[in-house]
């Protein structure tokens, strides 16, 4: 059976990835039955067959997976790689004596146990066992959160603030004493004045503008790049890497541009520029943008636009440029001569490209109902899209593996 797995990052207070919650489409994996037994619910549980490529999915970070009672009692959870997973008890889990005993045994064996959306009362027996307790910040008052942290942190529990979708919520959760954070807060634009944008970022924006035109002027791009030593160095280092395997070393920007051709110039210079604009932002944000770019590009032939793969690549690549630059999307697009339908899609206007971008974002977030609806609208064969997402993920990892930040702080059982 073909698998659909998305991932949602869980960040530390420095906005580095600690782990990913893996999201599986309901009813797709029969190996682990869903909690309610009928395949309903947003994310079904899944088993060891899903972990054959765990390194690909999580890039070495912890994988948070929801475990049903059947999985726990049947011993399947114990088959998972203990140094790669966090076993998450759903909020609907009944903390009967058998479940609590198995969780304690798994914890003693070196597994990390997490408790989803804990609010107290009947889940207390599991909270006493859990290494990690998730609190839904939208469902609890600040005082209720503080009281739970005060009660369980002395027992060794670490806390994840869940559904943190605003920067202010993240900042408040840090102050409350949470260690980890899950939600879309790092994807939200934080407006700043033009004077707050560094000259280096404005220079990369100029390069993006040069490669966004329908017809690229190679000499103009060469002149723009050669005045920026950092960009020149990055581009030449990139093109001389094993990814391209040119027969001779590329020594000049003009030589590189002539070798690449217009579509590849647009793609790779756009890629390097957006990665540079992401300096200072959470690394996961740039990674997500790269995945979106590759995923959107791969969908272009499937929606009848094989000659527009470059436009679809830029659609994904620029989907969070407002977050990276701290400026409104409409203001930025006024400076970038994008194709009109690409620009319209980026500001949220309905058109086929917007549907493609929204389908990609829905997959990314594990919003399977919306994803299926958009796939049907775009006449996409869903069975092909899981592998395309994995290809995009592999591609982004290959691009960024040389520049990885230090790993996030570790959580020890």
Protein backbone atom coordinates (compact mmCIF):
# COMPACT_ATOMS: atom_id res chain seq x y z
CA UNK A 1 0.00 0.00 0.00
CA UNK A 2 1.39 3.44 -0.94
CA UNK A 3 2.19 5.62 2.05
CA UNK A 4 1.35 9.25 2.62
CA UNK A 5 3.46 10.67 5.44
CA UNK A 6 3.94 14.34 6.26
CA UNK A 7 5.91 15.82 9.13
CA UNK A 8 5.36 18.73 11.50
CA UNK A 9 8.49 20.12 13.17
CA UNK A 10 8.87 20.40 16.92
CA UNK A 11 11.38 23.13 17.74
CA UNK A 12 13.42 24.05 20.77
CA UNK A 13 13.50 27.55 22.21
CA UNK A 14 16.24 28.50 19.75
CA UNK A 15 13.92 27.43 16.90
CA UNK A 16 16.05 24.43 15.99
CA UNK A 17 14.44 21.10 15.14
CA UNK A 18 14.25 18.62 18.00
CA UNK A 19 11.88 16.20 16.26
CA UNK A 20 8.98 15.80 13.86
CA UNK A 21 5.48 14.59 14.50
CA UNK A 22 4.77 12.18 11.66
CA UNK A 23 1.31 12.53 10.16
CA UNK A 24 -0.18 9.57 8.29
CA UNK A 25 -3.35 9.67 6.22
CA UNK A 26 -6.22 7.93 8.07
CA UNK A 27 -7.08 4.41 7.01
CA UNK A 28 -4.02 3.98 4.80
CA UNK A 29 -1.90 1.82 7.09
CA UNK A 30 -3.64 -1.32 8.33
CA UNK A 31 -0.60 -2.50 10.28
CA UNK A 32 -1.52 -0.26 13.19
CA UNK A 33 -5.28 0.23 13.67
CA UNK A 34 -6.44 3.79 14.40
CA UNK A 35 -7.46 4.67 17.93
CA UNK A 36 -11.18 4.66 17.16
CA UNK A 37 -10.96 1.54 15.01
CA UNK A 38 -12.77 2.96 11.98
CA UNK A 39 -10.08 4.95 10.20
CA UNK A 40 -11.56 8.32 11.15
CA UNK A 41 -9.65 11.15 12.68
CA UNK A 42 -6.96 13.35 11.25
CA UNK A 43 -3.92 11.15 11.82
CA UNK A 44 -4.00 7.38 12.01
CA UNK A 45 -1.22 5.50 13.77
CA UNK A 46 1.29 3.50 11.78
CA UNK A 47 3.91 0.89 12.49
CA UNK A 48 7.37 -0.42 11.83
CA UNK A 49 6.87 -0.64 8.07
CA UNK A 50 6.74 3.14 8.03
CA UNK A 51 10.21 3.34 9.59
CA UNK A 52 12.22 1.66 6.88
CA UNK A 53 13.06 5.16 5.67
CA UNK A 54 12.97 6.95 9.00
CA UNK A 55 16.24 8.76 8.35
CA UNK A 56 14.81 10.17 5.16
CA UNK A 57 11.70 11.45 6.87
CA UNK A 58 13.28 12.93 10.01
CA UNK A 59 16.89 13.47 8.93
CA UNK A 60 18.07 11.98 12.21
CA UNK A 61 15.70 13.90 14.48
CA UNK A 62 13.21 12.17 16.76
CA UNK A 63 9.96 10.92 15.19
CA UNK A 64 6.86 11.52 17.32
CA UNK A 65 4.22 8.89 16.53
CA UNK A 66 0.82 8.31 18.07
CA UNK A 67 0.30 4.85 19.55
CA UNK A 68 -3.04 3.12 19.95
CA UNK A 69 -3.81 0.84 22.87
CA UNK A 70 -3.63 -2.18 20.52
CA UNK A 71 -0.11 -1.21 19.46
CA UNK A 72 1.07 -0.83 23.04
CA UNK A 73 -0.50 -3.95 24.46
CA UNK A 74 0.37 -6.04 21.40
CA UNK A 75 4.06 -5.22 21.74
CA UNK A 76 4.43 -3.50 18.37
CA UNK A 77 5.66 -0.25 19.90
CA UNK A 78 8.60 -2.11 21.43
CA UNK A 79 9.74 -3.09 17.91
CA UNK A 80 10.43 0.54 16.95
CA UNK A 81 13.95 2.07 17.14
CA UNK A 82 14.02 3.54 20.65
CA UNK A 83 16.70 6.09 19.81
CA UNK A 84 14.65 7.46 16.90
CA UNK A 85 11.09 7.68 18.16
CA UNK A 86 8.93 9.30 20.80
CA UNK A 87 5.85 7.20 21.57
CA UNK A 88 2.94 9.63 21.87
CA UNK A 89 -0.21 8.75 23.77
CA UNK A 90 -3.23 10.40 22.11
CA UNK A 91 -5.45 12.63 24.25
CA UNK A 92 -8.19 10.01 23.86
CA UNK A 93 -6.05 7.24 25.38
CA UNK A 94 -7.63 5.50 28.38
CA UNK A 95 -5.01 5.32 31.15
CA UNK A 96 -6.04 1.93 32.48
CA UNK A 97 -3.61 -0.13 34.53
CA UNK A 98 -2.45 -2.24 31.59
CA UNK A 99 -1.64 0.78 29.40
CA UNK A 100 0.18 2.57 32.21
CA UNK A 101 2.19 -0.57 33.01
CA UNK A 102 3.26 -1.01 29.37
CA UNK A 103 4.23 2.68 29.12
CA UNK A 104 6.31 2.39 32.26
CA UNK A 105 8.01 -0.75 30.90
CA UNK A 106 8.78 0.99 27.59
CA UNK A 107 10.16 3.99 29.46
CA UNK A 108 12.39 1.73 31.55
CA UNK A 109 13.59 0.14 28.29
CA UNK A 110 14.80 3.53 27.05
CA UNK A 111 11.83 4.81 25.04
CA UNK A 112 10.61 8.37 25.39
CA UNK A 113 6.90 8.61 26.25
CA UNK A 114 4.86 11.70 25.33
CA UNK A 115 1.33 12.64 26.32
CA UNK A 116 -0.76 14.64 23.86
CA UNK A 117 -2.93 17.62 24.89
CA UNK A 118 -2.78 16.90 28.60
CA UNK A 119 -5.29 18.82 30.71
CA UNK A 120 -5.11 16.88 33.96
CA UNK A 121 -7.76 14.77 35.75
CA UNK A 122 -8.15 11.31 34.20
CA UNK A 123 -4.79 11.34 32.36
CA UNK A 124 -2.73 11.86 35.50
CA UNK A 125 -1.52 8.22 35.66
CA UNK A 126 0.07 8.64 32.19
CA UNK A 127 1.44 12.09 33.08
CA UNK A 128 3.33 10.51 35.96
CA UNK A 129 5.09 8.24 33.44
CA UNK A 130 5.61 10.66 30.56
CA UNK A 131 8.98 12.15 29.63
CA UNK A 132 7.22 14.77 27.51
CA UNK A 133 3.87 16.43 28.12
CA UNK A 134 2.15 18.43 25.37
CA UNK A 135 -0.13 21.27 26.34
CA UNK A 136 -2.52 22.91 23.87
CA UNK A 137 -1.88 26.60 24.51
CA UNK A 138 -5.21 27.52 22.92
CA UNK A 139 -7.17 25.34 25.34
CA UNK A 140 -5.56 26.26 28.68
CA UNK A 141 -5.17 29.55 30.52
CA UNK A 142 -1.67 30.78 31.31
CA UNK A 143 -2.22 29.94 34.95
CA UNK A 144 -3.37 26.40 34.15
CA UNK A 145 -0.25 25.87 32.04
CA UNK A 146 1.98 27.24 34.80
CA UNK A 147 0.40 24.98 37.42
CA UNK A 148 0.89 21.85 35.30
CA UNK A 149 4.51 22.74 34.54
CA UNK A 150 5.12 23.44 38.23
CA UNK A 151 3.60 20.08 39.18
CA UNK A 152 5.29 17.76 36.68
CA UNK A 153 8.62 19.37 35.82
CA UNK A 154 10.12 18.40 39.22
CA UNK A 155 9.24 14.81 38.28
CA UNK A 156 11.46 15.07 35.21
CA UNK A 157 8.87 15.91 32.53
CA UNK A 158 9.66 18.25 29.66
CA UNK A 159 6.86 20.33 28.16
CA UNK A 160 5.86 20.96 24.52
CA UNK A 161 3.67 23.97 23.77
CA UNK A 162 1.29 22.76 21.05
CA UNK A 163 -0.74 24.81 18.52
CA UNK A 164 1.63 27.74 18.80
CA UNK A 165 0.60 29.64 15.68
CA UNK A 166 1.59 33.19 16.63
CA UNK A 167 4.94 34.68 17.54
CA UNK A 168 3.45 36.18 20.72
CA UNK A 169 2.30 32.70 21.81
CA UNK A 170 5.82 31.36 21.28
CA UNK A 171 7.38 34.16 23.32
CA UNK A 172 4.84 33.66 26.12
CA UNK A 173 5.46 29.89 26.12
CA UNK A 174 9.21 30.42 26.44
CA UNK A 175 8.57 32.60 29.48
CA UNK A 176 6.25 29.95 30.94
CA UNK A 177 9.06 27.39 30.91
CA UNK A 178 8.19 25.22 27.89
CA UNK A 179 11.17 23.48 26.30
CA UNK A 180 9.69 22.61 22.89
CA UNK A 181 7.18 24.24 20.56
CA UNK A 182 4.88 22.93 17.83
CA UNK A 183 2.82 25.03 15.44
CA UNK A 184 3.05 27.48 12.58
CA UNK A 185 4.47 30.46 14.51
CA UNK A 186 7.80 30.41 12.65
CA UNK A 187 5.98 30.61 9.28
CA UNK A 188 4.13 33.85 10.09
CA UNK A 189 5.37 37.19 8.70
CA UNK A 190 6.77 39.63 11.25
CA UNK A 191 6.60 43.06 9.58
CA UNK A 192 9.62 45.32 9.90
CA UNK A 193 10.49 48.66 8.35
CA UNK A 194 12.55 48.88 5.19
CA UNK A 195 15.39 50.34 7.25
CA UNK A 196 15.49 47.12 9.29
CA UNK A 197 16.27 45.04 6.17
CA UNK A 198 20.02 44.53 5.86
CA UNK A 199 21.83 45.79 2.74
CA UNK A 200 22.91 42.19 2.06
CA UNK A 201 19.29 41.03 1.90
CA UNK A 202 18.35 43.92 -0.37
CA UNK A 203 21.22 42.90 -2.68
CA UNK A 204 19.83 39.36 -2.92
CA UNK A 205 16.42 40.81 -3.65
CA UNK A 206 17.96 42.68 -6.59
CA UNK A 207 19.40 39.40 -7.89
CA UNK A 208 16.00 37.74 -7.52
CA UNK A 209 14.47 40.57 -9.50
CA UNK A 210 17.00 40.06 -12.30
CA UNK A 211 16.24 36.33 -12.60
CA UNK A 212 12.46 36.80 -12.28
CA UNK A 213 12.08 38.53 -15.63
CA UNK A 214 10.51 36.51 -18.48
CA UNK A 215 13.68 36.98 -20.53
CA UNK A 216 16.92 36.90 -18.61
CA UNK A 217 19.78 39.26 -19.48
CA UNK A 218 22.86 37.17 -18.73
CA UNK A 219 25.18 40.17 -18.75
CA UNK A 220 22.95 42.08 -16.33
CA UNK A 221 22.92 39.11 -13.94
CA UNK A 222 26.68 38.64 -14.25
CA UNK A 223 27.23 42.34 -13.49
CA UNK A 224 24.86 42.20 -10.51
CA UNK A 225 26.44 39.09 -9.04
CA UNK A 226 30.08 40.02 -9.52
CA UNK A 227 29.65 43.06 -7.29
CA UNK A 228 28.53 40.80 -4.45
CA UNK A 229 31.52 38.69 -3.42
CA UNK A 230 29.47 36.50 -1.09
CA UNK A 231 26.95 35.58 -3.79
CA UNK A 232 29.71 35.07 -6.38
CA UNK A 233 31.53 32.72 -4.02
CA UNK A 234 28.36 30.78 -3.14
CA UNK A 235 27.34 30.35 -6.76
CA UNK A 236 30.78 29.22 -7.94
CA UNK A 237 31.19 26.84 -4.99
CA UNK A 238 27.73 25.45 -5.67
CA UNK A 239 28.31 24.94 -9.40
CA UNK A 240 31.70 23.33 -8.83
CA UNK A 241 30.18 20.80 -6.42
CA UNK A 242 29.53 17.16 -7.25
CA UNK A 243 25.87 17.96 -7.93
CA UNK A 244 26.74 19.37 -11.35
CA UNK A 245 29.88 17.39 -12.25
CA UNK A 246 31.03 19.79 -14.96
CA UNK A 247 34.10 18.49 -16.80
CA UNK A 248 36.18 21.58 -15.95
CA UNK A 249 36.14 24.00 -13.06
CA UNK A 250 33.82 26.99 -13.41
CA UNK A 251 35.91 30.10 -12.78
CA UNK A 252 33.70 33.00 -13.86
CA UNK A 253 30.09 33.98 -13.26
CA UNK A 254 29.47 34.60 -16.97
CA UNK A 255 30.86 31.14 -17.84
CA UNK A 256 28.57 29.59 -15.24
CA UNK A 257 25.51 31.41 -16.53
CA UNK A 258 26.16 30.44 -20.13
CA UNK A 259 26.54 26.78 -19.15
CA UNK A 260 23.34 26.67 -17.15
CA UNK A 261 20.79 28.08 -19.59
CA UNK A 262 17.92 30.42 -18.70
CA UNK A 263 15.67 28.09 -16.73
CA UNK A 264 18.52 26.66 -14.69
CA UNK A 265 19.94 30.15 -14.09
CA UNK A 266 16.57 31.22 -12.72
CA UNK A 267 16.25 28.14 -10.57
CA UNK A 268 19.70 27.95 -8.99
CA UNK A 269 20.31 31.66 -8.47
CA UNK A 270 16.81 31.95 -7.05
CA UNK A 271 17.59 29.05 -4.75
CA UNK A 272 20.85 30.52 -3.49
CA UNK A 273 19.30 33.97 -3.05
CA UNK A 274 16.34 32.71 -1.04
CA UNK A 275 18.65 30.58 1.13
CA UNK A 276 20.72 33.72 1.81
CA UNK A 277 17.58 35.70 2.65
CA UNK A 278 16.83 33.00 5.20
CA UNK A 279 19.98 33.66 7.23
CA UNK A 280 18.85 34.54 10.72
CA UNK A 281 15.53 32.73 10.24
CA UNK A 282 14.86 29.26 11.68
CA UNK A 283 16.71 26.78 9.41
CA UNK A 284 13.57 24.65 9.17
CA UNK A 285 11.79 27.53 7.40
CA UNK A 286 14.32 27.53 4.56
CA UNK A 287 14.12 23.73 4.39
CA UNK A 288 10.32 23.89 4.09
CA UNK A 289 10.61 26.47 1.30
CA UNK A 290 13.02 24.22 -0.62
CA UNK A 291 10.67 21.25 -0.26
CA UNK A 292 7.74 23.34 -1.49
CA UNK A 293 9.74 24.56 -4.48
CA UNK A 294 10.72 21.05 -5.56
CA UNK A 295 7.24 19.65 -4.87
CA UNK A 296 5.52 22.42 -6.87
CA UNK A 297 8.00 21.96 -9.73
CA UNK A 298 7.29 18.22 -9.86
CA UNK A 299 3.54 18.89 -10.12
CA UNK A 300 3.82 21.19 -13.16
CA UNK A 301 3.80 18.35 -15.76
CA UNK A 302 0.97 16.62 -13.91
CA UNK A 303 -1.31 19.65 -14.18
CA UNK A 304 -0.55 20.21 -17.88
CA UNK A 305 2.22 22.81 -17.56
CA UNK A 306 5.49 20.97 -18.33
CA UNK A 307 7.06 24.07 -19.90
CA UNK A 308 6.42 26.13 -16.78
CA UNK A 309 8.36 24.10 -14.27
CA UNK A 310 10.56 27.11 -13.52
CA UNK A 311 7.49 29.20 -12.65
CA UNK A 312 6.13 26.45 -10.41
CA UNK A 313 9.54 26.15 -8.72
CA UNK A 314 9.47 29.88 -7.97
CA UNK A 315 5.90 29.58 -6.75
CA UNK A 316 7.07 27.32 -3.93
CA UNK A 317 10.41 29.08 -3.46
CA UNK A 318 8.82 32.49 -2.86
CA UNK A 319 5.86 31.24 -0.85
CA UNK A 320 7.42 32.45 2.41
CA UNK A 321 9.59 35.32 1.18
CA UNK A 322 7.41 37.71 3.18
CA UNK A 323 8.43 35.80 6.32
CA UNK A 324 12.11 35.83 5.35
CA UNK A 325 12.13 39.54 4.50
CA UNK A 326 9.67 40.83 7.10
CA UNK A 327 7.77 42.75 4.42
CA UNK A 328 4.27 42.26 2.95
CA UNK A 329 4.05 39.86 0.02
CA UNK A 330 2.38 42.47 -2.23
CA UNK A 331 5.18 44.96 -1.57
CA UNK A 332 7.86 42.38 -2.40
CA UNK A 333 6.11 41.18 -5.55
CA UNK A 334 5.95 44.77 -6.79
CA UNK A 335 9.75 44.56 -6.94
CA UNK A 336 9.84 41.10 -8.57
CA UNK A 337 8.61 40.83 -12.19
CA UNK A 338 6.94 37.45 -11.74
CA UNK A 339 4.44 35.99 -14.20
CA UNK A 340 1.05 37.53 -13.32
CA UNK A 341 -0.60 34.24 -12.38
CA UNK A 342 2.36 33.30 -10.14
CA UNK A 343 2.17 36.66 -8.37
CA UNK A 344 -1.60 36.31 -7.99
CA UNK A 345 -1.21 32.85 -6.47
CA UNK A 346 1.40 34.11 -4.00
CA UNK A 347 -0.95 36.76 -2.63
CA UNK A 348 -3.78 34.25 -2.29
CA UNK A 349 -5.89 35.03 -5.33
CA UNK A 350 -7.73 31.95 -6.65
CA UNK A 351 -6.25 30.42 -9.79
CA UNK A 352 -4.80 27.00 -10.77
CA UNK A 353 -1.33 27.86 -9.43
CA UNK A 354 -2.82 28.85 -6.08
CA UNK A 355 -4.55 25.46 -5.99
CA UNK A 356 -1.20 23.74 -6.59
CA UNK A 357 0.52 25.74 -3.84
CA UNK A 358 -2.33 25.12 -1.41
CA UNK A 359 -2.29 21.39 -2.23
CA UNK A 360 1.44 21.31 -1.42
CA UNK A 361 0.93 23.20 1.86
CA UNK A 362 -2.01 20.94 2.79
CA UNK A 363 0.18 17.87 2.26
CA UNK A 364 3.00 19.48 4.25
CA UNK A 365 0.67 20.09 7.20
CA UNK A 366 -1.06 16.70 7.02
CA UNK A 367 -4.39 18.33 6.19
CA UNK A 368 -5.51 15.29 4.24
CA UNK A 369 -9.13 16.28 3.62
CA UNK A 370 -8.15 19.56 1.97
CA UNK A 371 -5.30 17.88 0.11
CA UNK A 372 -7.62 15.24 -1.38
CA UNK A 373 -10.14 17.89 -2.39
CA UNK A 374 -7.49 19.96 -4.18
CA UNK A 375 -5.91 16.89 -5.81
CA UNK A 376 -9.31 16.00 -7.24
CA UNK A 377 -9.83 19.56 -8.46
CA UNK A 378 -6.42 19.51 -10.19
CA UNK A 379 -7.02 16.00 -11.61
CA UNK A 380 -3.93 14.69 -9.83
CA UNK A 381 -3.50 10.99 -9.17
CA UNK A 382 -2.95 10.95 -5.43
CA UNK A 383 -1.02 7.69 -5.44
CA UNK A 384 1.89 9.47 -7.18
CA UNK A 385 2.16 12.38 -4.78
CA UNK A 386 3.54 10.65 -1.70
CA UNK A 387 6.69 9.67 -3.56
CA UNK A 388 7.00 13.14 -5.13
CA UNK A 389 6.93 14.64 -1.63
CA UNK A 390 9.66 12.24 -0.52
CA UNK A 391 11.74 13.13 -3.59
CA UNK A 392 11.39 16.82 -2.73
CA UNK A 393 12.40 16.10 0.86
CA UNK A 394 15.48 14.12 -0.28
CA UNK A 395 16.45 16.92 -2.67
CA UNK A 396 16.22 19.60 0.01
CA UNK A 397 18.24 17.50 2.44
CA UNK A 398 20.97 16.96 -0.14
CA UNK A 399 21.18 20.72 -0.74
CA UNK A 400 21.40 21.65 2.91
CA UNK A 401 23.42 18.80 4.40
CA UNK A 402 26.73 20.66 4.07
CA UNK A 403 25.45 23.69 5.95
CA UNK A 404 23.58 22.11 8.83
CA UNK A 405 23.45 23.98 12.11
CA UNK A 406 24.47 22.37 15.35
CA UNK A 407 21.84 19.85 16.50
CA UNK A 408 19.10 21.01 18.81
CA UNK A 409 19.46 20.42 22.50
CA UNK A 410 18.96 16.76 23.34
CA UNK A 411 16.30 15.40 25.60
CA UNK A 412 17.44 12.43 27.64
CA UNK A 413 15.13 9.95 29.27
